[in-house]
PDB file of N, CA and C in Angstrom:
ATOM      1  N   MET A   1       0.846  -1.186   0.000  1.00  0.00           N
ATOM      2  CA  MET A   1       0.000   0.000   0.000  1.00  0.00           C
ATOM      3  C   MET A   1       0.891   1.248   0.000  1.00  0.00           C
ATOM      4  N   GLU A   2       0.615   2.152  -0.899  1.00  0.00           N
ATOM      5  CA  GLU A   2       1.430   3.362  -1.017  1.00  0.00           C
ATOM      6  C   GLU A   2       0.915   4.458  -0.090  1.00  0.00           C
ATOM      7  N   ARG A   3       1.837   5.099   0.580  1.00  0.00           N
ATOM      8  CA  ARG A   3       1.502   6.194   1.490  1.00  0.00           C
ATOM      9  C   ARG A   3       1.300   7.499   0.738  1.00  0.00           C
ATOM     10  N   PRO A   4       0.269   8.264   1.073  1.00  0.00           N
ATOM     11  CA  PRO A   4       0.083   9.549   0.376  1.00  0.00           C
ATOM     12  C   PRO A   4       1.209  10.525   0.728  1.00  0.00           C
ATOM     13  N   GLY A   5       1.577  11.348  -0.211  1.00  0.00           N
ATOM     14  CA  GLY A   5       2.635  12.324   0.003  1.00  0.00           C
ATOM     15  C   GLY A   5       2.126  13.739  -0.199  1.00  0.00           C
ATOM     16  N   VAL A   6       3.009  14.688   0.019  1.00  0.00           N
ATOM     17  CA  VAL A   6       2.650  16.106  -0.118  1.00  0.00           C
ATOM     18  C   VAL A   6       3.332  16.751  -1.317  1.00  0.00           C
ATOM     19  N   GLU A   7       4.024  15.929  -2.105  1.00  0.00           N
ATOM     20  CA  GLU A   7       4.794  16.474  -3.224  1.00  0.00           C
ATOM     21  C   GLU A   7       3.939  17.227  -4.233  1.00  0.00           C
ATOM     22  N   ASN A   8       2.726  16.770  -4.455  1.00  0.00           N
ATOM     23  CA  ASN A   8       1.873  17.375  -5.481  1.00  0.00           C
ATOM     24  C   ASN A   8       0.896  18.414  -4.938  1.00  0.00           C
ATOM     25  N   LEU A   9       1.030  18.746  -3.677  1.00  0.00           N
ATOM     26  CA  LEU A   9       0.133  19.744  -3.088  1.00  0.00           C
ATOM     27  C   LEU A   9       0.699  21.142  -3.289  1.00  0.00           C
ATOM     28  N   SER A  10      -0.194  22.103  -3.419  1.00  0.00           N
ATOM     29  CA  SER A  10       0.209  23.492  -3.579  1.00  0.00           C
ATOM     30  C   SER A  10      -0.102  24.244  -2.281  1.00  0.00           C
ATOM     31  N   PHE A  11       0.923  24.826  -1.680  1.00  0.00           N
ATOM     32  CA  PHE A  11       0.760  25.565  -0.431  1.00  0.00           C
ATOM     33  C   PHE A  11       0.892  27.060  -0.684  1.00  0.00           C
ATOM     34  N   CYS A  12       0.089  27.830   0.025  1.00  0.00           N
ATOM     35  CA  CYS A  12       0.198  29.288  -0.062  1.00  0.00           C
ATOM     36  C   CYS A  12       1.473  29.714   0.653  1.00  0.00           C
ATOM     37  N   GLN A  13       2.122  30.720   0.138  1.00  0.00           N
ATOM     38  CA  GLN A  13       3.344  31.232   0.745  1.00  0.00           C
ATOM     39  C   GLN A  13       3.220  32.735   0.964  1.00  0.00           C
ATOM     40  N   LEU A  14       3.885  33.197   2.014  1.00  0.00           N
ATOM     41  CA  LEU A  14       3.916  34.629   2.284  1.00  0.00           C
ATOM     42  C   LEU A  14       4.949  35.299   1.389  1.00  0.00           C
ATOM     43  N   LEU A  15       4.661  36.512   1.006  1.00  0.00           N
ATOM     44  CA  LEU A  15       5.653  37.317   0.301  1.00  0.00           C
ATOM     45  C   LEU A  15       6.720  37.748   1.296  1.00  0.00           C
ATOM     46  N   MET A  16       7.875  38.120   0.813  1.00  0.00           N
ATOM     47  CA  MET A  16       8.960  38.555   1.705  1.00  0.00           C
ATOM     48  C   MET A  16       8.520  39.736   2.571  1.00  0.00           C
ATOM     49  N   THR A  17       7.755  40.649   2.006  1.00  0.00           N
ATOM     50  CA  THR A  17       7.290  41.804   2.781  1.00  0.00           C
ATOM     51  C   THR A  17       6.329  41.365   3.882  1.00  0.00           C
ATOM     52  N   GLU A  18       5.523  40.340   3.600  1.00  0.00           N
ATOM     53  CA  GLU A  18       4.592  39.827   4.604  1.00  0.00           C
ATOM     54  C   GLU A  18       5.313  39.055   5.702  1.00  0.00           C
ATOM     55  N   SER A  19       6.296  38.281   5.326  1.00  0.00           N
ATOM     56  CA  SER A  19       7.002  37.472   6.329  1.00  0.00           C
ATOM     57  C   SER A  19       7.794  38.347   7.295  1.00  0.00           C
ATOM     58  N   GLY A  20       8.215  39.507   6.849  1.00  0.00           N
ATOM     59  CA  GLY A  20       8.922  40.439   7.730  1.00  0.00           C
ATOM     60  C   GLY A  20       8.041  40.930   8.862  1.00  0.00           C
ATOM     61  N   ASN A  21       6.734  40.982   8.626  1.00  0.00           N
ATOM     62  CA  ASN A  21       5.805  41.421   9.668  1.00  0.00           C
ATOM     63  C   ASN A  21       5.680  40.409  10.801  1.00  0.00           C
ATOM     64  N   LEU A  22       6.078  39.161  10.554  1.00  0.00           N
ATOM     65  CA  LEU A  22       5.981  38.135  11.594  1.00  0.00           C
ATOM     66  C   LEU A  22       7.007  38.342  12.703  1.00  0.00           C
ATOM     67  N   THR A  23       8.088  39.022  12.403  1.00  0.00           N
ATOM     68  CA  THR A  23       9.158  39.190  13.392  1.00  0.00           C
ATOM     69  C   THR A  23       9.371  40.635  13.821  1.00  0.00           C
ATOM     70  N   ARG A  24       8.602  41.548  13.282  1.00  0.00           N
ATOM     71  CA  ARG A  24       8.786  42.944  13.681  1.00  0.00           C
ATOM     72  C   ARG A  24       8.271  43.140  15.110  1.00  0.00           C
ATOM     73  N   PRO A  25       8.876  44.055  15.852  1.00  0.00           N
ATOM     74  CA  PRO A  25       8.407  44.319  17.219  1.00  0.00           C
ATOM     75  C   PRO A  25       6.984  44.864  17.224  1.00  0.00           C
ATOM     76  N   PHE A  26       6.243  44.551  18.275  1.00  0.00           N
ATOM     77  CA  PHE A  26       4.893  45.080  18.430  1.00  0.00           C
ATOM     78  C   PHE A  26       4.956  46.569  18.739  1.00  0.00           C
ATOM     79  N   THR A  27       4.006  47.301  18.196  1.00  0.00           N
ATOM     80  CA  THR A  27       3.907  48.725  18.501  1.00  0.00           C
ATOM     81  C   THR A  27       2.870  48.924  19.603  1.00  0.00           C
ATOM     82  N   LEU A  28       2.842  50.119  20.154  1.00  0.00           N
ATOM     83  CA  LEU A  28       1.837  50.463  21.154  1.00  0.00           C
ATOM     84  C   LEU A  28       0.441  50.284  20.566  1.00  0.00           C
ATOM     85  N   ASP A  29       0.259  50.665  19.308  1.00  0.00           N
ATOM     86  CA  ASP A  29      -1.048  50.502  18.651  1.00  0.00           C
ATOM     87  C   ASP A  29      -1.425  49.024  18.508  1.00  0.00           C
ATOM     88  N   ASP A  30      -0.435  48.151  18.217  1.00  0.00           N
ATOM     89  CA  ASP A  30      -0.697  46.707  18.116  1.00  0.00           C
ATOM     90  C   ASP A  30      -1.212  46.164  19.444  1.00  0.00           C
ATOM     91  N   VAL A  31      -0.530  46.528  20.521  1.00  0.00           N
ATOM     92  CA  VAL A  31      -0.894  46.029  21.848  1.00  0.00           C
ATOM     93  C   VAL A  31      -2.264  46.566  22.253  1.00  0.00           C
ATOM     94  N   LYS A  32      -2.475  47.852  22.027  1.00  0.00           N
ATOM     95  CA  LYS A  32      -3.766  48.455  22.378  1.00  0.00           C
ATOM     96  C   LYS A  32      -4.900  47.795  21.591  1.00  0.00           C
ATOM     97  N   GLN A  33      -4.689  47.564  20.299  1.00  0.00           N
ATOM     98  CA  GLN A  33      -5.720  46.939  19.469  1.00  0.00           C
ATOM     99  C   GLN A  33      -6.041  45.535  19.967  1.00  0.00           C
ATOM    100  N   ALA A  34      -5.023  44.779  20.359  1.00  0.00           N
ATOM    101  CA  ALA A  34      -5.239  43.424  20.879  1.00  0.00           C
ATOM    102  C   ALA A  34      -6.072  43.462  22.160  1.00  0.00           C
ATOM    103  N   ILE A  35      -5.792  44.429  23.027  1.00  0.00           N
ATOM    104  CA  ILE A  35      -6.539  44.551  24.285  1.00  0.00           C
ATOM    105  C   ILE A  35      -7.970  44.995  24.006  1.00  0.00           C
ATOM    106  N   TRP A  36      -8.141  45.952  23.106  1.00  0.00           N
ATOM    107  CA  TRP A  36      -9.488  46.450  22.790  1.00  0.00           C
ATOM    108  C   TRP A  36     -10.324  45.390  22.069  1.00  0.00           C
ATOM    109  N   ASP A  37      -9.681  44.426  21.431  1.00  0.00           N
ATOM    110  CA  ASP A  37     -10.406  43.342  20.769  1.00  0.00           C
ATOM    111  C   ASP A  37     -10.929  42.306  21.765  1.00  0.00           C
ATOM    112  N   CYS A  38     -10.480  42.368  23.006  1.00  0.00           N
ATOM    113  CA  CYS A  38     -10.907  41.405  24.024  1.00  0.00           C
ATOM    114  C   CYS A  38     -12.168  41.892  24.735  1.00  0.00           C
ATOM    115  N   ASP A  39     -12.972  40.946  25.169  1.00  0.00           N
ATOM    116  CA  ASP A  39     -14.185  41.243  25.922  1.00  0.00           C
ATOM    117  C   ASP A  39     -13.799  41.930  27.231  1.00  0.00           C
ATOM    118  N   SER A  40     -14.423  43.034  27.537  1.00  0.00           N
ATOM    119  CA  SER A  40     -14.081  43.813  28.737  1.00  0.00           C
ATOM    120  C   SER A  40     -14.350  43.074  30.034  1.00  0.00           C
ATOM    121  N   PHE A  41     -15.173  42.034  29.992  1.00  0.00           N
ATOM    122  CA  PHE A  41     -15.532  41.335  31.223  1.00  0.00           C
ATOM    123  C   PHE A  41     -14.811  40.008  31.387  1.00  0.00           C
ATOM    124  N   LYS A  42     -13.847  39.722  30.503  1.00  0.00           N
ATOM    125  CA  LYS A  42     -13.041  38.510  30.636  1.00  0.00           C
ATOM    126  C   LYS A  42     -11.837  38.822  31.512  1.00  0.00           C
ATOM    127  N   SER A  43     -11.487  37.889  32.353  1.00  0.00           N
ATOM    128  CA  SER A  43     -10.348  38.078  33.250  1.00  0.00           C
ATOM    129  C   SER A  43      -9.051  37.740  32.527  1.00  0.00           C
ATOM    130  N   THR A  44      -7.990  38.500  32.801  1.00  0.00           N
ATOM    131  CA  THR A  44      -6.687  38.240  32.198  1.00  0.00           C
ATOM    132  C   THR A  44      -5.932  37.146  32.932  1.00  0.00           C
ATOM    133  N   GLY A  45      -6.349  36.814  34.113  1.00  0.00           N
ATOM    134  CA  GLY A  45      -5.635  35.784  34.867  1.00  0.00           C
ATOM    135  C   GLY A  45      -6.170  35.658  36.268  1.00  0.00           C
ATOM    136  N   ARG A  46      -5.393  35.035  37.102  1.00  0.00           N
ATOM    137  CA  ARG A  46      -5.824  34.785  38.476  1.00  0.00           C
ATOM    138  C   ARG A  46      -5.950  36.054  39.303  1.00  0.00           C
ATOM    139  N   ASP A  47      -5.331  37.122  38.852  1.00  0.00           N
ATOM    140  CA  ASP A  47      -5.402  38.379  39.608  1.00  0.00           C
ATOM    141  C   ASP A  47      -6.794  38.992  39.551  1.00  0.00           C
ATOM    142  N   GLY A  48      -7.626  38.539  38.610  1.00  0.00           N
ATOM    143  CA  GLY A  48      -8.994  39.035  38.525  1.00  0.00           C
ATOM    144  C   GLY A  48      -9.129  40.369  37.828  1.00  0.00           C
ATOM    145  N   ILE A  49      -8.040  40.909  37.327  1.00  0.00           N
ATOM    146  CA  ILE A  49      -8.120  42.194  36.617  1.00  0.00           C
ATOM    147  C   ILE A  49      -8.695  41.928  35.237  1.00  0.00           C
ATOM    148  N   SER A  50      -9.785  42.600  34.921  1.00  0.00           N
ATOM    149  CA  SER A  50     -10.461  42.384  33.639  1.00  0.00           C
ATOM    150  C   SER A  50      -9.887  43.309  32.571  1.00  0.00           C
ATOM    151  N   PHE A  51     -10.202  42.980  31.323  1.00  0.00           N
ATOM    152  CA  PHE A  51      -9.780  43.849  30.233  1.00  0.00           C
ATOM    153  C   PHE A  51     -10.475  45.202  30.325  1.00  0.00           C
ATOM    154  N   GLY A  52     -11.673  45.236  30.903  1.00  0.00           N
ATOM    155  CA  GLY A  52     -12.364  46.509  31.107  1.00  0.00           C
ATOM    156  C   GLY A  52     -11.561  47.434  32.014  1.00  0.00           C
ATOM    157  N   PHE A  53     -10.965  46.864  33.063  1.00  0.00           N
ATOM    158  CA  PHE A  53     -10.126  47.645  33.976  1.00  0.00           C
ATOM    159  C   PHE A  53      -8.911  48.188  33.227  1.00  0.00           C
ATOM    160  N   ILE A  54      -8.278  47.314  32.436  1.00  0.00           N
ATOM    161  CA  ILE A  54      -7.088  47.728  31.684  1.00  0.00           C
ATOM    162  C   ILE A  54      -7.451  48.838  30.701  1.00  0.00           C
ATOM    163  N   LYS A  55      -8.591  48.701  30.041  1.00  0.00           N
ATOM    164  CA  LYS A  55      -9.023  49.734  29.086  1.00  0.00           C
ATOM    165  C   LYS A  55      -9.300  51.060  29.789  1.00  0.00           C
ATOM    166  N   GLN A  56      -9.943  50.980  30.946  1.00  0.00           N
ATOM    167  CA  GLN A  56     -10.289  52.200  31.671  1.00  0.00           C
ATOM    168  C   GLN A  56      -9.038  52.939  32.149  1.00  0.00           C
ATOM    169  N   PHE A  57      -8.011  52.186  32.528  1.00  0.00           N
ATOM    170  CA  PHE A  57      -6.791  52.798  33.058  1.00  0.00           C
ATOM    171  C   PHE A  57      -5.618  52.666  32.089  1.00  0.00           C
ATOM    172  N   TRP A  58      -5.910  52.604  30.801  1.00  0.00           N
ATOM    173  CA  TRP A  58      -4.882  52.418  29.787  1.00  0.00           C
ATOM    174  C   TRP A  58      -3.779  53.482  29.880  1.00  0.00           C
ATOM    175  N   ALA A  59      -4.139  54.715  30.086  1.00  0.00           N
ATOM    176  CA  ALA A  59      -3.133  55.789  30.165  1.00  0.00           C
ATOM    177  C   ALA A  59      -2.122  55.516  31.272  1.00  0.00           C
ATOM    178  N   GLU A  60      -2.573  54.894  32.356  1.00  0.00           N
ATOM    179  CA  GLU A  60      -1.694  54.624  33.495  1.00  0.00           C
ATOM    180  C   GLU A  60      -0.878  53.342  33.335  1.00  0.00           C
ATOM    181  N   VAL A  61      -1.400  52.337  32.605  1.00  0.00           N
ATOM    182  CA  VAL A  61      -0.733  51.030  32.555  1.00  0.00           C
ATOM    183  C   VAL A  61      -0.047  50.727  31.224  1.00  0.00           C
ATOM    184  N   LYS A  62      -0.231  51.576  30.221  1.00  0.00           N
ATOM    185  CA  LYS A  62       0.297  51.254  28.895  1.00  0.00           C
ATOM    186  C   LYS A  62       1.818  51.120  28.877  1.00  0.00           C
ATOM    187  N   ASP A  63       2.519  51.940  29.638  1.00  0.00           N
ATOM    188  CA  ASP A  63       3.987  51.852  29.655  1.00  0.00           C
ATOM    189  C   ASP A  63       4.454  50.520  30.239  1.00  0.00           C
ATOM    190  N   ASP A  64       3.783  50.046  31.275  1.00  0.00           N
ATOM    191  CA  ASP A  64       4.127  48.749  31.869  1.00  0.00           C
ATOM    192  C   ASP A  64       3.847  47.611  30.891  1.00  0.00           C
ATOM    193  N   PHE A  65       2.728  47.687  30.180  1.00  0.00           N
ATOM    194  CA  PHE A  65       2.410  46.667  29.186  1.00  0.00           C
ATOM    195  C   PHE A  65       3.472  46.641  28.092  1.00  0.00           C
ATOM    196  N   MET A  66       3.841  47.802  27.616  1.00  0.00           N
ATOM    197  CA  MET A  66       4.832  47.859  26.539  1.00  0.00           C
ATOM    198  C   MET A  66       6.197  47.371  27.015  1.00  0.00           C
ATOM    199  N   GLN A  67       6.569  47.681  28.230  1.00  0.00           N
ATOM    200  CA  GLN A  67       7.839  47.196  28.771  1.00  0.00           C
ATOM    201  C   GLN A  67       7.848  45.668  28.798  1.00  0.00           C
ATOM    202  N   PHE A  68       6.733  45.076  29.206  1.00  0.00           N
ATOM    203  CA  PHE A  68       6.607  43.617  29.240  1.00  0.00           C
ATOM    204  C   PHE A  68       6.727  43.027  27.837  1.00  0.00           C
ATOM    205  N   VAL A  69       6.004  43.608  26.873  1.00  0.00           N
ATOM    206  CA  VAL A  69       5.993  43.099  25.503  1.00  0.00           C
ATOM    207  C   VAL A  69       7.365  43.239  24.859  1.00  0.00           C
ATOM    208  N   VAL A  70       8.014  44.380  25.041  1.00  0.00           N
ATOM    209  CA  VAL A  70       9.339  44.611  24.469  1.00  0.00           C
ATOM    210  C   VAL A  70      10.340  43.617  25.046  1.00  0.00           C
ATOM    211  N   GLU A  71      10.291  43.400  26.341  1.00  0.00           N
ATOM    212  CA  GLU A  71      11.201  42.441  26.985  1.00  0.00           C
ATOM    213  C   GLU A  71      10.957  41.028  26.456  1.00  0.00           C
ATOM    214  N   PHE A  72       9.699  40.655  26.275  1.00  0.00           N
ATOM    215  CA  PHE A  72       9.389  39.329  25.723  1.00  0.00           C
ATOM    216  C   PHE A  72       9.897  39.214  24.285  1.00  0.00           C
ATOM    217  N   ASN A  73       9.700  40.249  23.480  1.00  0.00           N
ATOM    218  CA  ASN A  73      10.199  40.233  22.099  1.00  0.00           C
ATOM    219  C   ASN A  73      11.711  40.123  22.061  1.00  0.00           C
ATOM    220  N   ARG A  74      12.381  40.781  22.994  1.00  0.00           N
ATOM    221  CA  ARG A  74      13.836  40.820  23.009  1.00  0.00           C
ATOM    222  C   ARG A  74      14.445  39.457  23.312  1.00  0.00           C
ATOM    223  N   ASN A  75      13.925  38.770  24.320  1.00  0.00           N
ATOM    224  CA  ASN A  75      14.587  37.526  24.733  1.00  0.00           C
ATOM    225  C   ASN A  75      13.709  36.276  24.656  1.00  0.00           C
ATOM    226  N   GLY A  76      12.445  36.420  24.276  1.00  0.00           N
ATOM    227  CA  GLY A  76      11.574  35.261  24.117  1.00  0.00           C
ATOM    228  C   GLY A  76      11.196  34.571  25.412  1.00  0.00           C
ATOM    229  N   LYS A  77      11.405  35.238  26.523  1.00  0.00           N
ATOM    230  CA  LYS A  77      11.075  34.652  27.820  1.00  0.00           C
ATOM    231  C   LYS A  77      10.132  35.584  28.569  1.00  0.00           C
ATOM    232  N   LEU A  78       9.250  34.973  29.358  1.00  0.00           N
ATOM    233  CA  LEU A  78       8.369  35.771  30.194  1.00  0.00           C
ATOM    234  C   LEU A  78       9.134  36.299  31.391  1.00  0.00           C
ATOM    235  N   THR A  79       8.726  37.445  31.874  1.00  0.00           N
ATOM    236  CA  THR A  79       9.367  38.062  33.018  1.00  0.00           C
ATOM    237  C   THR A  79       9.365  37.114  34.205  1.00  0.00           C
ATOM    238  N   LYS A  80      10.503  37.035  34.885  1.00  0.00           N
ATOM    239  CA  LYS A  80      10.603  36.159  36.052  1.00  0.00           C
ATOM    240  C   LYS A  80       9.538  36.554  37.079  1.00  0.00           C
ATOM    241  N   GLY A  81       8.882  35.557  37.609  1.00  0.00           N
ATOM    242  CA  GLY A  81       7.871  35.798  38.626  1.00  0.00           C
ATOM    243  C   GLY A  81       6.493  36.102  38.081  1.00  0.00           C
ATOM    244  N   ILE A  82       6.301  36.009  36.774  1.00  0.00           N
ATOM    245  CA  ILE A  82       4.985  36.344  36.214  1.00  0.00           C
ATOM    246  C   ILE A  82       3.896  35.421  36.739  1.00  0.00           C
ATOM    247  N   ASN A  83       4.259  34.203  37.065  1.00  0.00           N
ATOM    248  CA  ASN A  83       3.275  33.261  37.581  1.00  0.00           C
ATOM    249  C   ASN A  83       3.332  33.133  39.101  1.00  0.00           C
ATOM    250  N   ALA A  84       4.120  33.969  39.750  1.00  0.00           N
ATOM    251  CA  ALA A  84       4.218  33.917  41.204  1.00  0.00           C
ATOM    252  C   ALA A  84       2.953  34.509  41.832  1.00  0.00           C
ATOM    253  N   THR A  85       2.490  33.869  42.882  1.00  0.00           N
ATOM    254  CA  THR A  85       1.302  34.361  43.567  1.00  0.00           C
ATOM    255  C   THR A  85       1.474  34.243  45.070  1.00  0.00           C
ATOM    256  N   PHE A  86       0.700  34.992  45.785  1.00  0.00           N
ATOM    257  CA  PHE A  86       0.611  34.874  47.234  1.00  0.00           C
ATOM    258  C   PHE A  86      -0.808  34.436  47.555  1.00  0.00           C
ATOM    259  N   ILE A  87      -0.911  33.484  48.433  1.00  0.00           N
ATOM    260  CA  ILE A  87      -2.228  32.999  48.833  1.00  0.00           C
ATOM    261  C   ILE A  87      -2.424  33.304  50.302  1.00  0.00           C
ATOM    262  N   ALA A  88      -3.521  33.942  50.608  1.00  0.00           N
ATOM    263  CA  ALA A  88      -3.872  34.223  52.001  1.00  0.00           C
ATOM    264  C   ALA A  88      -5.170  33.479  52.307  1.00  0.00           C
ATOM    265  N   LEU A  89      -5.118  32.599  53.284  1.00  0.00           N
ATOM    266  CA  LEU A  89      -6.317  31.867  53.672  1.00  0.00           C
ATOM    267  C   LEU A  89      -7.156  32.747  54.587  1.00  0.00           C
ATOM    268  N   ILE A  90      -8.406  32.903  54.238  1.00  0.00           N
ATOM    269  CA  ILE A  90      -9.320  33.729  55.020  1.00  0.00           C
ATOM    270  C   ILE A  90     -10.305  32.802  55.714  1.00  0.00           C
ATOM    271  N   PRO A  91     -10.310  32.816  57.047  1.00  0.00           N
ATOM    272  CA  PRO A  91     -11.207  31.902  57.756  1.00  0.00           C
ATOM    273  C   PRO A  91     -12.678  32.267  57.553  1.00  0.00           C
ATOM    274  N   LYS A  92     -13.502  31.222  57.383  1.00  0.00           N
ATOM    275  CA  LYS A  92     -14.948  31.391  57.256  1.00  0.00           C
ATOM    276  C   LYS A  92     -15.623  31.347  58.626  1.00  0.00           C
ATOM    277  N   VAL A  93     -14.932  30.767  59.587  1.00  0.00           N
ATOM    278  CA  VAL A  93     -15.478  30.603  60.943  1.00  0.00           C
ATOM    279  C   VAL A  93     -14.500  31.212  61.945  1.00  0.00           C
ATOM    280  N   ASP A  94     -14.970  31.378  63.198  1.00  0.00           N
ATOM    281  CA  ASP A  94     -14.133  32.006  64.222  1.00  0.00           C
ATOM    282  C   ASP A  94     -12.900  31.187  64.604  1.00  0.00           C
ATOM    283  N   ASN A  95     -13.040  29.882  64.699  1.00  0.00           N
ATOM    284  CA  ASN A  95     -11.938  29.043  65.150  1.00  0.00           C
ATOM    285  C   ASN A  95     -11.676  27.939  64.114  1.00  0.00           C
ATOM    286  N   PRO A  96     -11.017  28.269  63.002  1.00  0.00           N
ATOM    287  CA  PRO A  96     -10.849  27.281  61.935  1.00  0.00           C
ATOM    288  C   PRO A  96      -9.980  26.100  62.385  1.00  0.00           C
ATOM    289  N   GLN A  97     -10.450  24.889  62.068  1.00  0.00           N
ATOM    290  CA  GLN A  97      -9.726  23.674  62.432  1.00  0.00           C
ATOM    291  C   GLN A  97      -9.355  22.855  61.187  1.00  0.00           C
ATOM    292  N   ARG A  98     -10.117  22.980  60.128  1.00  0.00           N
ATOM    293  CA  ARG A  98      -9.897  22.204  58.920  1.00  0.00           C
ATOM    294  C   ARG A  98      -9.729  23.143  57.721  1.00  0.00           C
ATOM    295  N   LEU A  99      -9.198  22.600  56.653  1.00  0.00           N
ATOM    296  CA  LEU A  99      -8.999  23.398  55.454  1.00  0.00           C
ATOM    297  C   LEU A  99     -10.321  23.963  54.916  1.00  0.00           C
ATOM    298  N   ASN A 100     -11.391  23.205  55.072  1.00  0.00           N
ATOM    299  CA  ASN A 100     -12.706  23.675  54.629  1.00  0.00           C
ATOM    300  C   ASN A 100     -13.210  24.868  55.435  1.00  0.00           C
ATOM    301  N   ASP A 101     -12.565  25.174  56.537  1.00  0.00           N
ATOM    302  CA  ASP A 101     -12.962  26.315  57.355  1.00  0.00           C
ATOM    303  C   ASP A 101     -12.411  27.636  56.800  1.00  0.00           C
ATOM    304  N   PHE A 102     -11.650  27.534  55.714  1.00  0.00           N
ATOM    305  CA  PHE A 102     -11.061  28.743  55.128  1.00  0.00           C
ATOM    306  C   PHE A 102     -11.708  29.034  53.792  1.00  0.00           C
TER     307      PHE A 102
END
């Protein structure tokens, strides 16, 4: 039994000018457009900050967002500690004895 091959298939290819856009650094407008394309009531992560919050305070947070994006573009790694969290157990009862009491 002969195995099918891809030799006779025609694939679309990017032009050189188009392929250059795949590696160009993101601009402030690119980042803003990506954020504005997101639902304002969706959470960005465990911190609970929604895209609506980011949009409302864009003037205050845009520099931090761009610093993060530029650093990621530069070295291909996420900022150290991006997934670090602190957990504080809040008791539901006066004298917690079990994990379910928090």
